[in-house]
Amino acid sequence: NCGGCNKPCPQGQVCANGACALQCVGGTTLCSN
């Protein structure tokens, strides 16, 4: 429910500040999506 009810993020993404974003693992950093 990212940003509102029944607004799921795509698989492998997380919700941050009400917006879906990539989940960076392995010491990587999110830069420009």
PDB file of all heavy atoms in Angstrom:
ATOM      1  N   ASN A   1       0.867  -1.184   0.000  1.00  0.00           N
ATOM      2  CA  ASN A   1       0.000   0.000   0.000  1.00  0.00           C
ATOM      3  C   ASN A   1       0.904   1.235   0.000  1.00  0.00           C
ATOM      4  O   ASN A   1       0.923   2.013   0.953  1.00  0.00           O
ATOM      5  CB  ASN A   1      -0.909  -0.012   1.230  1.00  0.00           C
ATOM      6  CG  ASN A   1      -1.790  -1.246   1.317  1.00  0.00           C
ATOM      7  OD1 ASN A   1      -2.866  -1.319   0.719  1.00  0.00           O
ATOM      8  ND2 ASN A   1      -1.331  -2.231   2.083  1.00  0.00           N
ATOM      9  N   CYS A   2       1.671   1.408  -1.049  1.00  0.00           N
ATOM     10  CA  CYS A   2       2.706   2.434  -1.093  1.00  0.00           C
ATOM     11  C   CYS A   2       2.149   3.746  -1.650  1.00  0.00           C
ATOM     12  O   CYS A   2       1.863   3.863  -2.847  1.00  0.00           O
ATOM     13  CB  CYS A   2       3.890   1.952  -1.937  1.00  0.00           C
ATOM     14  SG  CYS A   2       5.339   3.029  -1.823  1.00  0.00           S
ATOM     15  N   GLY A   3       1.973   4.724  -0.755  1.00  0.00           N
ATOM     16  CA  GLY A   3       1.399   5.998  -1.169  1.00  0.00           C
ATOM     17  C   GLY A   3      -0.106   6.019  -1.090  1.00  0.00           C
ATOM     18  O   GLY A   3      -0.732   7.068  -1.271  1.00  0.00           O
ATOM     19  N   GLY A   4      -0.748   4.888  -0.809  1.00  0.00           N
ATOM     20  CA  GLY A   4      -2.203   4.780  -0.707  1.00  0.00           C
ATOM     21  C   GLY A   4      -2.600   3.325  -0.663  1.00  0.00           C
ATOM     22  O   GLY A   4      -1.798   2.425  -0.973  1.00  0.00           O
ATOM     23  N   CYS A   5      -3.831   3.064  -0.258  1.00  0.00           N
ATOM     24  CA  CYS A   5      -4.292   1.680  -0.159  1.00  0.00           C
ATOM     25  C   CYS A   5      -4.297   0.999  -1.531  1.00  0.00           C
ATOM     26  O   CYS A   5      -4.631   1.621  -2.552  1.00  0.00           O
ATOM     27  CB  CYS A   5      -5.703   1.647   0.446  1.00  0.00           C
ATOM     28  SG  CYS A   5      -5.751   2.216   2.167  1.00  0.00           S
ATOM     29  N   ASN A   6      -3.883  -0.285  -1.521  1.00  0.00           N
ATOM     30  CA  ASN A   6      -3.919  -1.128  -2.726  1.00  0.00           C
ATOM     31  C   ASN A   6      -3.048  -0.589  -3.861  1.00  0.00           C
ATOM     32  O   ASN A   6      -3.406  -0.689  -5.037  1.00  0.00           O
ATOM     33  CB  ASN A   6      -5.366  -1.318  -3.204  1.00  0.00           C
ATOM     34  CG  ASN A   6      -6.239  -1.938  -2.133  1.00  0.00           C
ATOM     35  OD1 ASN A   6      -5.854  -2.914  -1.488  1.00  0.00           O
ATOM     36  ND2 ASN A   6      -7.422  -1.348  -1.914  1.00  0.00           N
ATOM     37  N   LYS A   7      -1.904  -0.011  -3.500  1.00  0.00           N
ATOM     38  CA  LYS A   7      -0.920   0.430  -4.483  1.00  0.00           C
ATOM     39  C   LYS A   7       0.381  -0.342  -4.248  1.00  0.00           C
ATOM     40  O   LYS A   7       1.324   0.162  -3.632  1.00  0.00           O
ATOM     41  CB  LYS A   7      -0.660   1.930  -4.381  1.00  0.00           C
ATOM     42  CG  LYS A   7      -1.846   2.787  -4.792  1.00  0.00           C
ATOM     43  CD  LYS A   7      -1.480   4.274  -4.753  1.00  0.00           C
ATOM     44  CE  LYS A   7      -2.629   5.141  -5.240  1.00  0.00           C
ATOM     45  NZ  LYS A   7      -2.271   6.591  -5.198  1.00  0.00           N
ATOM     46  N   PRO A   8       0.421  -1.584  -4.717  1.00  0.00           N
ATOM     47  CA  PRO A   8       1.596  -2.428  -4.423  1.00  0.00           C
ATOM     48  C   PRO A   8       2.814  -2.037  -5.284  1.00  0.00           C
ATOM     49  O   PRO A   8       2.677  -1.581  -6.420  1.00  0.00           O
ATOM     50  CB  PRO A   8       1.113  -3.829  -4.772  1.00  0.00           C
ATOM     51  CG  PRO A   8       0.083  -3.607  -5.835  1.00  0.00           C
ATOM     52  CD  PRO A   8      -0.605  -2.307  -5.481  1.00  0.00           C
ATOM     53  N   CYS A   9       3.999  -2.204  -4.698  1.00  0.00           N
ATOM     54  CA  CYS A   9       5.247  -1.994  -5.455  1.00  0.00           C
ATOM     55  C   CYS A   9       5.571  -3.242  -6.262  1.00  0.00           C
ATOM     56  O   CYS A   9       5.219  -4.363  -5.879  1.00  0.00           O
ATOM     57  CB  CYS A   9       6.408  -1.726  -4.488  1.00  0.00           C
ATOM     58  SG  CYS A   9       6.295  -0.145  -3.617  1.00  0.00           S
ATOM     59  N   PRO A  10       6.242  -3.092  -7.398  1.00  0.00           N
ATOM     60  CA  PRO A  10       6.677  -4.267  -8.159  1.00  0.00           C
ATOM     61  C   PRO A  10       7.591  -5.158  -7.319  1.00  0.00           C
ATOM     62  O   PRO A  10       8.234  -4.696  -6.369  1.00  0.00           O
ATOM     63  CB  PRO A  10       7.440  -3.659  -9.343  1.00  0.00           C
ATOM     64  CG  PRO A  10       6.928  -2.259  -9.451  1.00  0.00           C
ATOM     65  CD  PRO A  10       6.614  -1.833  -8.053  1.00  0.00           C
ATOM     66  N   GLN A  11       7.658  -6.417  -7.678  1.00  0.00           N
ATOM     67  CA  GLN A  11       8.489  -7.360  -6.942  1.00  0.00           C
ATOM     68  C   GLN A  11       9.953  -6.897  -6.919  1.00  0.00           C
ATOM     69  O   GLN A  11      10.493  -6.446  -7.932  1.00  0.00           O
ATOM     70  CB  GLN A  11       8.404  -8.744  -7.582  1.00  0.00           C
ATOM     71  CG  GLN A  11       9.107  -9.833  -6.777  1.00  0.00           C
ATOM     72  CD  GLN A  11       8.888 -11.212  -7.379  1.00  0.00           C
ATOM     73  OE1 GLN A  11       8.283 -11.348  -8.440  1.00  0.00           O
ATOM     74  NE2 GLN A  11       9.370 -12.243  -6.698  1.00  0.00           N
ATOM     75  N   GLY A  12      10.567  -7.006  -5.758  1.00  0.00           N
ATOM     76  CA  GLY A  12      11.963  -6.616  -5.620  1.00  0.00           C
ATOM     77  C   GLY A  12      12.172  -5.169  -5.253  1.00  0.00           C
ATOM     78  O   GLY A  12      13.308  -4.734  -5.045  1.00  0.00           O
ATOM     79  N   GLN A  13      11.064  -4.381  -5.175  1.00  0.00           N
ATOM     80  CA  GLN A  13      11.179  -2.990  -4.788  1.00  0.00           C
ATOM     81  C   GLN A  13      10.631  -2.785  -3.385  1.00  0.00           C
ATOM     82  O   GLN A  13       9.872  -3.594  -2.861  1.00  0.00           O
ATOM     83  CB  GLN A  13      10.443  -2.082  -5.786  1.00  0.00           C
ATOM     84  CG  GLN A  13      11.066  -2.066  -7.175  1.00  0.00           C
ATOM     85  CD  GLN A  13      10.526  -0.956  -8.050  1.00  0.00           C
ATOM     86  OE1 GLN A  13       9.854  -0.045  -7.577  1.00  0.00           O
ATOM     87  NE2 GLN A  13      10.831  -1.020  -9.334  1.00  0.00           N
ATOM     88  N   VAL A  14      11.040  -1.688  -2.771  1.00  0.00           N
ATOM     89  CA  VAL A  14      10.581  -1.332  -1.438  1.00  0.00           C
ATOM     90  C   VAL A  14       9.828  -0.016  -1.516  1.00  0.00           C
ATOM     91  O   VAL A  14       9.854   0.682  -2.538  1.00  0.00           O
ATOM     92  CB  VAL A  14      11.772  -1.199  -0.457  1.00  0.00           C
ATOM     93  CG1 VAL A  14      12.469  -2.528  -0.273  1.00  0.00           C
ATOM     94  CG2 VAL A  14      12.751  -0.142  -0.937  1.00  0.00           C
ATOM     95  N   CYS A  15       9.127   0.306  -0.427  1.00  0.00           N
ATOM     96  CA  CYS A  15       8.398   1.563  -0.345  1.00  0.00           C
ATOM     97  C   CYS A  15       9.170   2.519   0.553  1.00  0.00           C
ATOM     98  O   CYS A  15       9.473   2.191   1.708  1.00  0.00           O
ATOM     99  CB  CYS A  15       7.004   1.310   0.231  1.00  0.00           C
ATOM    100  SG  CYS A  15       5.953   2.800   0.275  1.00  0.00           S
ATOM    101  N   ALA A  16       9.524   3.679   0.022  1.00  0.00           N
ATOM    102  CA  ALA A  16      10.254   4.684   0.784  1.00  0.00           C
ATOM    103  C   ALA A  16       9.612   6.038   0.547  1.00  0.00           C
ATOM    104  O   ALA A  16       9.490   6.484  -0.605  1.00  0.00           O
ATOM    105  CB  ALA A  16      11.724   4.701   0.360  1.00  0.00           C
ATOM    106  N   ASN A  17       9.136   6.648   1.635  1.00  0.00           N
ATOM    107  CA  ASN A  17       8.466   7.957   1.547  1.00  0.00           C
ATOM    108  C   ASN A  17       7.271   7.930   0.602  1.00  0.00           C
ATOM    109  O   ASN A  17       7.024   8.880  -0.160  1.00  0.00           O
ATOM    110  CB  ASN A  17       9.454   9.037   1.112  1.00  0.00           C
ATOM    111  CG  ASN A  17      10.573   9.222   2.115  1.00  0.00           C
ATOM    112  OD1 ASN A  17      10.336   9.217   3.321  1.00  0.00           O
ATOM    113  ND2 ASN A  17      11.795   9.365   1.623  1.00  0.00           N
ATOM    114  N   GLY A  18       6.554   6.808   0.616  1.00  0.00           N
ATOM    115  CA  GLY A  18       5.351   6.701  -0.191  1.00  0.00           C
ATOM    116  C   GLY A  18       5.588   6.461  -1.666  1.00  0.00           C
ATOM    117  O   GLY A  18       4.666   6.580  -2.472  1.00  0.00           O
ATOM    118  N   ALA A  19       6.809   6.097  -2.040  1.00  0.00           N
ATOM    119  CA  ALA A  19       7.117   5.818  -3.446  1.00  0.00           C
ATOM    120  C   ALA A  19       7.900   4.515  -3.540  1.00  0.00           C
ATOM    121  O   ALA A  19       8.746   4.216  -2.690  1.00  0.00           O
ATOM    122  CB  ALA A  19       7.927   6.962  -4.048  1.00  0.00           C
ATOM    123  N   CYS A  20       7.625   3.751  -4.567  1.00  0.00           N
ATOM    124  CA  CYS A  20       8.324   2.491  -4.775  1.00  0.00           C
ATOM    125  C   CYS A  20       9.740   2.754  -5.289  1.00  0.00           C
ATOM    126  O   CYS A  20       9.969   3.647  -6.105  1.00  0.00           O
ATOM    127  CB  CYS A  20       7.571   1.618  -5.777  1.00  0.00           C
ATOM    128  SG  CYS A  20       5.923   1.120  -5.216  1.00  0.00           S
ATOM    129  N   ALA A  21      10.696   1.978  -4.786  1.00  0.00           N
ATOM    130  CA  ALA A  21      12.094   2.140  -5.196  1.00  0.00           C
ATOM    131  C   ALA A  21      12.781   0.793  -5.139  1.00  0.00           C
ATOM    132  O   ALA A  21      12.339  -0.137  -4.449  1.00  0.00           O
ATOM    133  CB  ALA A  21      12.802   3.136  -4.278  1.00  0.00           C
ATOM    134  N   LEU A  22      13.865   0.689  -5.874  1.00  0.00           N
ATOM    135  CA  LEU A  22      14.644  -0.538  -5.857  1.00  0.00           C
ATOM    136  C   LEU A  22      15.191  -0.804  -4.463  1.00  0.00           C
ATOM    137  O   LEU A  22      15.538   0.122  -3.727  1.00  0.00           O
ATOM    138  CB  LEU A  22      15.813  -0.439  -6.841  1.00  0.00           C
ATOM    139  CG  LEU A  22      15.480  -0.488  -8.332  1.00  0.00           C
ATOM    140  CD1 LEU A  22      16.720  -0.164  -9.153  1.00  0.00           C
ATOM    141  CD2 LEU A  22      14.964  -1.873  -8.707  1.00  0.00           C
ATOM    142  N   GLN A  23      15.299  -2.090  -4.136  1.00  0.00           N
ATOM    143  CA  GLN A  23      15.920  -2.480  -2.876  1.00  0.00           C
ATOM    144  C   GLN A  23      17.367  -2.867  -3.177  1.00  0.00           C
ATOM    145  O   GLN A  23      17.633  -3.893  -3.799  1.00  0.00           O
ATOM    146  CB  GLN A  23      15.179  -3.650  -2.237  1.00  0.00           C
ATOM    147  CG  GLN A  23      15.750  -4.076  -0.896  1.00  0.00           C
ATOM    148  CD  GLN A  23      14.953  -5.197  -0.263  1.00  0.00           C
ATOM    149  OE1 GLN A  23      14.173  -5.867  -0.929  1.00  0.00           O
ATOM    150  NE2 GLN A  23      15.156  -5.409   1.024  1.00  0.00           N
ATOM    151  N   CYS A  24      18.312  -2.026  -2.795  1.00  0.00           N
ATOM    152  CA  CYS A  24      19.714  -2.264  -3.113  1.00  0.00           C
ATOM    153  C   CYS A  24      20.347  -3.124  -2.035  1.00  0.00           C
ATOM    154  O   CYS A  24      20.250  -2.823  -0.841  1.00  0.00           O
ATOM    155  CB  CYS A  24      20.465  -0.935  -3.245  1.00  0.00           C
ATOM    156  SG  CYS A  24      19.868   0.063  -4.633  1.00  0.00           S
ATOM    157  N   VAL A  25      21.004  -4.183  -2.443  1.00  0.00           N
ATOM    158  CA  VAL A  25      21.630  -5.128  -1.519  1.00  0.00           C
ATOM    159  C   VAL A  25      23.090  -5.305  -1.902  1.00  0.00           C
ATOM    160  O   VAL A  25      23.565  -4.780  -2.908  1.00  0.00           O
ATOM    161  CB  VAL A  25      20.893  -6.490  -1.551  1.00  0.00           C
ATOM    162  CG1 VAL A  25      19.463  -6.340  -1.060  1.00  0.00           C
ATOM    163  CG2 VAL A  25      20.905  -7.081  -2.957  1.00  0.00           C
ATOM    164  N   GLY A  26      23.811  -6.046  -1.076  1.00  0.00           N
ATOM    165  CA  GLY A  26      25.206  -6.360  -1.385  1.00  0.00           C
ATOM    166  C   GLY A  26      26.123  -5.158  -1.370  1.00  0.00           C
ATOM    167  O   GLY A  26      27.112  -5.117  -2.102  1.00  0.00           O
ATOM    168  N   GLY A  27      25.787  -4.163  -0.552  1.00  0.00           N
ATOM    169  CA  GLY A  27      26.645  -2.988  -0.455  1.00  0.00           C
ATOM    170  C   GLY A  27      26.432  -1.975  -1.558  1.00  0.00           C
ATOM    171  O   GLY A  27      27.185  -1.000  -1.649  1.00  0.00           O
ATOM    172  N   THR A  28      25.416  -2.188  -2.410  1.00  0.00           N
ATOM    173  CA  THR A  28      25.144  -1.235  -3.481  1.00  0.00           C
ATOM    174  C   THR A  28      24.287  -0.079  -2.969  1.00  0.00           C
ATOM    175  O   THR A  28      23.675  -0.152  -1.902  1.00  0.00           O
ATOM    176  CB  THR A  28      24.452  -1.915  -4.670  1.00  0.00           C
ATOM    177  OG1 THR A  28      23.220  -2.505  -4.228  1.00  0.00           O
ATOM    178  CG2 THR A  28      25.340  -2.998  -5.258  1.00  0.00           C
ATOM    179  N   THR A  29      24.261   0.983  -3.760  1.00  0.00           N
ATOM    180  CA  THR A  29      23.553   2.215  -3.393  1.00  0.00           C
ATOM    181  C   THR A  29      22.590   2.594  -4.508  1.00  0.00           C
ATOM    182  O   THR A  29      22.910   2.428  -5.689  1.00  0.00           O
ATOM    183  CB  THR A  29      24.563   3.358  -3.179  1.00  0.00           C
ATOM    184  OG1 THR A  29      25.480   2.986  -2.146  1.00  0.00           O
ATOM    185  CG2 THR A  29      23.870   4.650  -2.782  1.00  0.00           C
ATOM    186  N   LEU A  30      21.420   3.105  -4.130  1.00  0.00           N
ATOM    187  CA  LEU A  30      20.438   3.537  -5.124  1.00  0.00           C
ATOM    188  C   LEU A  30      20.853   4.902  -5.675  1.00  0.00           C
ATOM    189  O   LEU A  30      20.895   5.891  -4.949  1.00  0.00           O
ATOM    190  CB  LEU A  30      19.053   3.618  -4.490  1.00  0.00           C
ATOM    191  CG  LEU A  30      17.918   4.022  -5.432  1.00  0.00           C
ATOM    192  CD1 LEU A  30      17.700   2.965  -6.503  1.00  0.00           C
ATOM    193  CD2 LEU A  30      16.620   4.244  -4.633  1.00  0.00           C
ATOM    194  N   CYS A  31      21.163   4.952  -6.950  1.00  0.00           N
ATOM    195  CA  CYS A  31      21.506   6.196  -7.637  1.00  0.00           C
ATOM    196  C   CYS A  31      20.666   6.286  -8.907  1.00  0.00           C
ATOM    197  O   CYS A  31      20.804   5.439  -9.802  1.00  0.00           O
ATOM    198  CB  CYS A  31      22.994   6.237  -7.998  1.00  0.00           C
ATOM    199  SG  CYS A  31      24.118   6.294  -6.586  1.00  0.00           S
ATOM    200  N   SER A  32      19.814   7.303  -8.977  1.00  0.00           N
ATOM    201  CA  SER A  32      18.975   7.518 -10.169  1.00  0.00           C
ATOM    202  C   SER A  32      18.196   6.273 -10.543  1.00  0.00           C
ATOM    203  O   SER A  32      18.227   5.802 -11.689  1.00  0.00           O
ATOM    204  CB  SER A  32      19.845   7.985 -11.336  1.00  0.00           C
ATOM    205  OG  SER A  32      20.521   9.184 -11.018  1.00  0.00           O
ATOM    206  N   ASN A  33      17.526   5.690  -9.529  1.00  0.00           N
ATOM    207  CA  ASN A  33      16.668   4.527  -9.733  1.00  0.00           C
ATOM    208  C   ASN A  33      17.440   3.309 -10.224  1.00  0.00           C
ATOM    209  O   ASN A  33      16.905   2.459 -10.932  1.00  0.00           O
ATOM    210  CB  ASN A  33      15.511   4.839 -10.692  1.00  0.00           C
ATOM    211  CG  ASN A  33      14.324   3.906 -10.473  1.00  0.00           C
ATOM    212  OD1 ASN A  33      14.050   3.514  -9.334  1.00  0.00           O
ATOM    213  ND2 ASN A  33      13.632   3.558 -11.541  1.00  0.00           N
TER     214      ASN A  33
END
